[in-house]
Amino acid sequence: MSNVSKEDAWGCLENMSLDPQHLFKEEFMSADFAMSLSCMDWVYVFQSMHQIAVKNTEEYLRLEAISVMNVVLMRSNAFTEREKFGGAVVFEGIAQLLKKDASSHVQKKTLQMLYLLLNCPKLLGIFCSGCKVGEGDDAVNDERNSSSFKEFSFILDGLANCLSCCGNSFQDIEIRKKAVNFLAFLASSGKSGFEILVGHNLTGAPNFIVLMLHVLVSEIDAEVSVPVEPAEKVKARTLLIREALILLNRLVSNPGYSSTLLCILTAARDIASLTIDIASRLSQNDYRPGQLDSMTRKIRETEIPDLARVFKKRVWSYLGDKIS
């Protein structure tokens, strides 16, 4: 139990910058203040910041509040402490902060918060199970998951919004990359995470995998249509494409997932054509000299073509097996 009252905890925060870069630096703390922080009611702080984030529309207020929430989560132990921050109201707020009307900066920090929360194994289990409620006879009937299914579904819709945002700014590319990273995290969590990627119905796409294919082809087309772009955008798009290919290759090479995924990628003619088109175009060593730093150039010249060729080979092999 905390030794500091809620009023004292809030007073401590009012007297300090919300900037997470300064929040816990020793040079900004007196001994008494540091002692106050050590026994502060962090759940109350987290909930207070959550209220600020969801009740305000000003971007800077939302960003500051979410930043503090993320710092609080990072200082907690994912296995023994973090579960207490993951209440239903918090997940409702995350769904709200991932909506299309939120800025890409807010969405990016919110995805980080969701990632930190789901690094708690129990919260991850609740999330994955809750996403399955109502989807069939095998759905988990846990009462807490059932009551949260709507919020979890809205969160997945928000994740899809991040992945499919149509802007071409650096921040837009970054939020798409963060969404791909989050999908990779879900895929790494086991069968339940994989089932979210392939089983959750989205508006405009049957699942996250197909949506990611559309994102990939859009990124490829964007590079062709814009002859000269700032180096940071070229690098961000390069990293996005690489992360998406790494995820696809991980899934098609996994014995437990490959058959399901390859079936999704090839069952419909339009999706199969899209899959082959992406793999073929990215297999080519088609970089633009003079616009890439050494690391980005290496990724474009070597890593992306190699990843695309491996992916293409697995798809063609699967198609060949089906034909034979």
Protein backbone atom coordinates (compact mmCIF):
# COMPACT_ATOMS: atom_id res chain seq x y z
CA MET A 1 0.00 0.00 0.00
CA SER A 2 1.29 3.45 -0.91
CA ASN A 3 2.43 5.80 1.87
CA VAL A 4 1.57 8.85 -0.23
CA SER A 5 -2.02 10.04 -0.57
CA LYS A 6 -3.62 10.55 -3.96
CA GLU A 7 -3.64 14.29 -3.36
CA ASP A 8 0.08 14.30 -2.54
CA ALA A 9 0.84 12.15 -5.56
CA TRP A 10 -1.01 14.53 -7.85
CA GLY A 11 0.73 17.47 -6.22
CA CYS A 12 4.11 15.91 -6.95
CA LEU A 13 3.24 15.61 -10.62
CA GLU A 14 1.90 19.14 -10.82
CA ASN A 15 5.30 20.43 -9.70
CA MET A 16 7.27 18.61 -12.36
CA SER A 17 7.41 18.52 -16.12
CA LEU A 18 5.40 15.77 -17.78
CA ASP A 19 8.32 15.28 -20.14
CA PRO A 20 9.27 11.60 -19.69
CA GLN A 21 12.88 12.52 -20.40
CA HIS A 22 12.92 14.44 -17.10
CA LEU A 23 10.46 12.44 -15.08
CA PHE A 24 12.89 10.26 -13.17
CA LYS A 25 16.25 12.01 -13.59
CA GLU A 26 17.97 12.27 -10.23
CA GLU A 27 19.24 15.80 -10.81
CA PHE A 28 15.66 17.05 -10.83
CA MET A 29 14.81 15.43 -7.50
CA SER A 30 15.42 16.38 -3.91
CA ALA A 31 15.86 13.53 -1.45
CA ASP A 32 12.33 14.06 -0.11
CA PHE A 33 10.87 14.21 -3.60
CA ALA A 34 12.71 11.04 -4.64
CA MET A 35 11.33 9.33 -1.54
CA SER A 36 7.84 10.48 -2.48
CA LEU A 37 8.24 8.99 -5.95
CA SER A 38 9.43 5.68 -4.53
CA CYS A 39 6.19 5.17 -2.60
CA MET A 40 3.79 6.95 -4.93
CA ASP A 41 0.48 5.40 -5.93
CA TRP A 42 1.45 4.75 -9.55
CA VAL A 43 -1.90 3.20 -10.41
CA TYR A 44 -3.54 6.48 -9.47
CA VAL A 45 -1.00 8.43 -11.52
CA PHE A 46 -1.59 6.12 -14.48
CA GLN A 47 -5.37 6.46 -14.21
CA SER A 48 -5.13 10.24 -13.88
CA MET A 49 -3.00 10.50 -17.01
CA HIS A 50 -5.45 8.20 -18.77
CA GLN A 51 -8.31 10.57 -17.98
CA ILE A 52 -6.32 13.49 -19.37
CA ALA A 53 -5.55 11.58 -22.56
CA VAL A 54 -9.10 10.50 -23.31
CA LYS A 55 -10.95 13.64 -22.17
CA ASN A 56 -8.83 16.15 -24.08
CA THR A 57 -8.56 16.59 -27.82
CA GLU A 58 -5.45 18.80 -27.79
CA GLU A 59 -2.61 16.75 -29.23
CA TYR A 60 0.11 18.06 -26.93
CA LEU A 61 -1.90 17.20 -23.80
CA ARG A 62 -2.61 13.72 -25.08
CA LEU A 63 1.02 13.15 -26.00
CA GLU A 64 2.31 14.30 -22.62
CA ALA A 65 -0.22 12.19 -20.72
CA ILE A 66 0.43 9.05 -22.77
CA SER A 67 4.18 9.58 -22.40
CA VAL A 68 3.83 9.56 -18.61
CA MET A 69 1.64 6.45 -18.79
CA ASN A 70 4.31 4.71 -20.84
CA VAL A 71 7.03 5.68 -18.36
CA VAL A 72 4.93 4.31 -15.51
CA LEU A 73 4.48 1.04 -17.39
CA MET A 74 8.19 0.80 -18.20
CA ARG A 75 9.14 1.16 -14.54
CA SER A 76 6.79 -1.67 -13.55
CA ASN A 77 7.60 -5.37 -13.65
CA ALA A 78 5.78 -6.98 -16.57
CA PHE A 79 5.29 -10.26 -14.68
CA THR A 80 4.39 -9.10 -11.17
CA GLU A 81 3.07 -5.52 -11.37
CA ARG A 82 1.83 -4.54 -14.79
CA GLU A 83 -1.48 -6.40 -14.70
CA LYS A 84 -2.94 -3.83 -12.29
CA PHE A 85 -2.68 -1.13 -14.97
CA GLY A 86 -4.69 -3.08 -17.56
CA GLY A 87 -8.30 -2.50 -16.56
CA ALA A 88 -11.24 -2.44 -18.95
CA VAL A 89 -11.40 1.37 -18.87
CA VAL A 90 -7.78 1.58 -20.02
CA PHE A 91 -8.46 -0.68 -23.00
CA GLU A 92 -11.50 1.43 -23.86
CA GLY A 93 -9.25 4.48 -23.85
CA ILE A 94 -6.69 2.77 -26.08
CA ALA A 95 -9.43 2.00 -28.59
CA GLN A 96 -10.41 5.68 -28.57
CA LEU A 97 -6.82 6.89 -28.99
CA LEU A 98 -6.25 4.62 -31.98
CA LYS A 99 -9.21 5.97 -33.95
CA LYS A 100 -8.70 7.67 -37.30
CA ASP A 101 -9.35 11.13 -35.87
CA ALA A 102 -6.34 10.82 -33.55
CA SER A 103 -3.04 12.11 -34.89
CA SER A 104 -0.33 9.71 -36.01
CA HIS A 105 1.84 10.90 -33.10
CA VAL A 106 -0.89 9.96 -30.61
CA GLN A 107 -1.50 6.64 -32.33
CA LYS A 108 2.21 5.82 -32.27
CA LYS A 109 2.53 6.41 -28.53
CA THR A 110 -0.73 4.54 -27.90
CA LEU A 111 0.60 1.51 -29.78
CA GLN A 112 3.64 1.64 -27.52
CA MET A 113 1.36 1.68 -24.48
CA LEU A 114 -0.62 -1.30 -25.80
CA TYR A 115 2.63 -3.17 -26.46
CA LEU A 116 3.87 -2.48 -22.92
CA LEU A 117 0.59 -3.64 -21.41
CA LEU A 118 0.50 -6.84 -23.45
CA ASN A 119 4.07 -7.65 -22.44
CA CYS A 120 2.36 -8.75 -19.24
CA PRO A 121 1.62 -12.44 -19.98
CA LYS A 122 -1.71 -12.38 -18.15
CA LEU A 123 -2.94 -9.27 -19.98
CA LEU A 124 -1.79 -10.76 -23.28
CA GLY A 125 -3.76 -13.91 -22.54
CA ILE A 126 -6.86 -11.90 -21.66
CA PHE A 127 -6.50 -9.81 -24.82
CA CYS A 128 -6.02 -12.75 -27.19
CA SER A 129 -8.82 -14.75 -25.56
CA GLY A 130 -11.11 -11.73 -25.52
CA CYS A 131 -10.56 -11.14 -29.23
CA LYS A 132 -11.99 -14.62 -29.88
CA VAL A 133 -15.19 -14.22 -27.87
CA GLY A 134 -18.24 -14.70 -30.02
CA GLU A 135 -16.30 -16.01 -33.01
CA GLY A 136 -17.37 -19.64 -32.71
CA ASP A 137 -17.89 -22.65 -30.50
CA ASP A 138 -14.27 -22.60 -29.38
CA ALA A 139 -14.52 -19.07 -28.03
CA VAL A 140 -13.37 -18.51 -24.48
CA ASN A 141 -16.29 -17.90 -22.14
CA ASP A 142 -14.44 -16.02 -19.43
CA GLU A 143 -16.78 -13.31 -18.13
CA ARG A 144 -14.09 -10.63 -18.04
CA ASN A 145 -13.07 -11.37 -21.62
CA SER A 146 -16.68 -11.38 -22.79
CA SER A 147 -17.35 -7.96 -21.31
CA SER A 148 -14.19 -6.60 -22.93
CA PHE A 149 -14.66 -8.15 -26.38
CA LYS A 150 -16.15 -5.00 -27.86
CA GLU A 151 -13.22 -2.88 -26.67
CA PHE A 152 -10.67 -5.43 -27.91
CA SER A 153 -12.39 -5.51 -31.29
CA PHE A 154 -12.26 -1.70 -31.46
CA ILE A 155 -8.56 -1.84 -30.60
CA LEU A 156 -7.95 -4.21 -33.52
CA ASP A 157 -9.92 -1.87 -35.78
CA GLY A 158 -7.72 0.97 -34.55
CA LEU A 159 -4.63 -1.11 -35.30
CA ALA A 160 -5.97 -1.62 -38.82
CA ASN A 161 -6.44 2.16 -39.10
CA CYS A 162 -2.79 2.65 -38.19
CA LEU A 163 -1.66 0.03 -40.70
CA SER A 164 -3.76 1.40 -43.55
CA CYS A 165 -3.40 5.15 -42.97
CA CYS A 166 -3.13 6.65 -46.44
CA GLY A 167 -0.78 9.57 -45.79
CA ASN A 168 2.71 9.71 -47.22
CA SER A 169 4.48 11.79 -44.58
CA PHE A 170 7.34 10.46 -42.50
CA GLN A 171 5.03 10.10 -39.49
CA ASP A 172 2.46 8.21 -41.59
CA ILE A 173 5.10 5.73 -42.72
CA GLU A 174 6.34 5.41 -39.14
CA ILE A 175 2.89 4.58 -37.77
CA ARG A 176 2.45 1.91 -40.45
CA LYS A 177 5.81 0.44 -39.47
CA LYS A 178 4.82 0.44 -35.79
CA ALA A 179 1.61 -1.37 -36.71
CA VAL A 180 3.60 -4.04 -38.57
CA ASN A 181 5.89 -4.37 -35.54
CA PHE A 182 2.85 -4.88 -33.34
CA LEU A 183 1.48 -7.56 -35.68
CA ALA A 184 4.85 -9.30 -35.45
CA PHE A 185 4.59 -9.16 -31.67
CA LEU A 186 1.15 -10.78 -31.80
CA ALA A 187 2.43 -13.46 -34.17
CA SER A 188 5.29 -14.24 -31.79
CA SER A 189 2.87 -14.73 -28.89
CA GLY A 190 1.68 -18.09 -30.18
CA LYS A 191 -1.34 -19.61 -31.85
CA SER A 192 -3.84 -17.19 -30.31
CA GLY A 193 -1.91 -14.21 -31.66
CA PHE A 194 -1.61 -15.78 -35.10
CA GLU A 195 -5.36 -16.40 -35.13
CA ILE A 196 -5.95 -12.68 -34.59
CA LEU A 197 -3.83 -11.90 -37.66
CA VAL A 198 -5.70 -14.29 -39.93
CA GLY A 199 -9.12 -14.50 -38.30
CA HIS A 200 -10.22 -10.99 -37.36
CA ASN A 201 -12.47 -9.54 -40.06
CA LEU A 202 -11.63 -5.99 -41.07
CA THR A 203 -13.42 -3.32 -43.07
CA GLY A 204 -11.97 -3.43 -46.57
CA ALA A 205 -9.86 -6.56 -46.04
CA PRO A 206 -10.56 -10.10 -44.83
CA ASN A 207 -7.71 -10.03 -42.29
CA PHE A 208 -4.50 -8.29 -41.24
CA ILE A 209 -2.31 -10.34 -43.58
CA VAL A 210 -4.18 -9.25 -46.69
CA LEU A 211 -4.29 -5.68 -45.40
CA MET A 212 -0.51 -5.79 -45.00
CA LEU A 213 -0.17 -6.93 -48.62
CA HIS A 214 -2.13 -3.88 -49.74
CA VAL A 215 0.12 -1.69 -47.61
CA LEU A 216 3.22 -3.23 -49.19
CA VAL A 217 2.05 -2.64 -52.74
CA SER A 218 1.10 0.94 -51.82
CA GLU A 219 4.60 1.56 -50.48
CA ILE A 220 6.17 0.14 -53.63
CA ASP A 221 3.91 2.28 -55.83
CA ALA A 222 4.67 5.38 -53.73
CA GLU A 223 8.38 4.99 -54.37
CA VAL A 224 7.80 4.75 -58.10
CA SER A 225 5.45 7.74 -58.23
CA VAL A 226 7.70 10.07 -56.22
CA PRO A 227 11.10 10.35 -57.92
CA VAL A 228 12.84 12.21 -55.08
CA GLU A 229 12.02 11.94 -51.38
CA PRO A 230 13.76 13.06 -48.18
CA ALA A 231 16.26 10.52 -46.89
CA GLU A 232 14.31 9.94 -43.66
CA LYS A 233 11.21 8.92 -45.61
CA VAL A 234 13.18 6.56 -47.84
CA LYS A 235 14.75 4.97 -44.78
CA ALA A 236 11.42 4.67 -42.94
CA ARG A 237 9.74 3.04 -45.94
CA THR A 238 12.69 0.69 -46.41
CA LEU A 239 12.46 -0.45 -42.80
CA LEU A 240 8.69 -0.87 -43.09
CA ILE A 241 9.04 -3.10 -46.15
CA ARG A 242 11.76 -5.16 -44.49
CA GLU A 243 9.72 -5.68 -41.30
CA ALA A 244 6.68 -6.78 -43.31
CA LEU A 245 8.75 -9.27 -45.33
CA ILE A 246 10.39 -10.64 -42.19
CA LEU A 247 6.96 -11.23 -40.66
CA LEU A 248 5.62 -12.92 -43.80
CA ASN A 249 8.68 -15.17 -44.03
CA ARG A 250 8.45 -16.11 -40.36
CA LEU A 251 4.85 -17.17 -40.83
CA VAL A 252 5.26 -19.09 -44.10
CA SER A 253 8.27 -20.96 -42.66
CA ASN A 254 6.54 -21.90 -39.40
CA PRO A 255 5.29 -25.51 -39.55
CA GLY A 256 2.26 -24.64 -37.47
CA TYR A 257 1.19 -21.61 -39.51
CA SER A 258 2.55 -22.00 -43.05
CA SER A 259 -0.28 -24.06 -44.51
CA THR A 260 -2.96 -21.70 -43.21
CA LEU A 261 -1.11 -18.58 -44.32
CA LEU A 262 -0.21 -19.86 -47.78
CA CYS A 263 -3.80 -20.91 -48.29
CA ILE A 264 -4.92 -17.36 -47.45
CA LEU A 265 -2.33 -15.89 -49.81
CA THR A 266 -3.29 -18.09 -52.76
CA ALA A 267 -6.95 -19.11 -52.33
CA ALA A 268 -8.40 -16.12 -54.19
CA ARG A 269 -7.09 -15.11 -57.61
CA ASP A 270 -6.77 -11.41 -56.77
CA ILE A 271 -4.88 -12.05 -53.52
CA ALA A 272 -2.62 -14.61 -55.20
CA SER A 273 -1.81 -12.12 -57.97
CA LEU A 274 -1.11 -9.43 -55.40
CA THR A 275 1.18 -11.77 -53.44
CA ILE A 276 3.19 -12.77 -56.50
CA ASP A 277 3.39 -9.18 -57.75
CA ILE A 278 4.81 -7.96 -54.44
CA ALA A 279 7.32 -10.80 -54.18
CA SER A 280 8.45 -10.34 -57.79
CA ARG A 281 8.85 -6.57 -57.60
CA LEU A 282 10.74 -6.65 -54.32
CA SER A 283 12.99 -9.47 -55.54
CA GLN A 284 14.55 -7.04 -57.99
CA ASN A 285 17.53 -5.01 -56.89
CA ASP A 286 15.81 -1.72 -57.68
CA TYR A 287 17.24 0.91 -55.37
CA ARG A 288 17.84 4.58 -56.13
CA PRO A 289 21.51 5.61 -55.92
CA GLY A 290 22.36 8.77 -54.06
CA GLN A 291 19.34 8.73 -51.75
CA LEU A 292 20.34 6.03 -49.31
CA ASP A 293 22.77 5.96 -46.41
CA SER A 294 25.03 2.92 -46.13
CA MET A 295 22.73 0.96 -43.82
CA THR A 296 19.61 1.66 -45.85
CA ARG A 297 21.46 0.91 -49.08
CA LYS A 298 22.51 -2.48 -47.74
CA ILE A 299 18.94 -3.29 -46.76
CA ARG A 300 17.64 -2.30 -50.19
CA GLU A 301 20.40 -3.98 -52.17
CA THR A 302 20.64 -7.21 -50.20
CA GLU A 303 18.17 -7.86 -47.41
CA ILE A 304 14.88 -6.93 -49.07
CA PRO A 305 15.59 -8.77 -52.37
CA ASP A 306 16.76 -11.84 -50.44
CA LEU A 307 13.70 -11.83 -48.19
CA ALA A 308 11.41 -11.36 -51.19
CA ARG A 309 13.04 -14.24 -53.09
CA VAL A 310 12.65 -16.60 -50.14
CA PHE A 311 9.02 -15.58 -49.78
CA LYS A 312 8.39 -15.93 -53.51
CA LYS A 313 10.00 -19.37 -53.55
CA ARG A 314 7.76 -20.62 -50.75
CA VAL A 315 4.64 -19.29 -52.44
CA TRP A 316 5.56 -20.84 -55.80
CA SER A 317 6.44 -24.11 -54.11
CA TYR A 318 3.04 -24.19 -52.42
CA LEU A 319 1.27 -23.42 -55.68
CA GLY A 320 3.27 -26.15 -57.42
CA ASP A 321 2.31 -28.69 -54.79
CA LYS A 322 -1.35 -27.77 -55.19
CA ILE A 323 -1.21 -28.13 -58.97
CA SER A 324 0.60 -31.46 -58.82
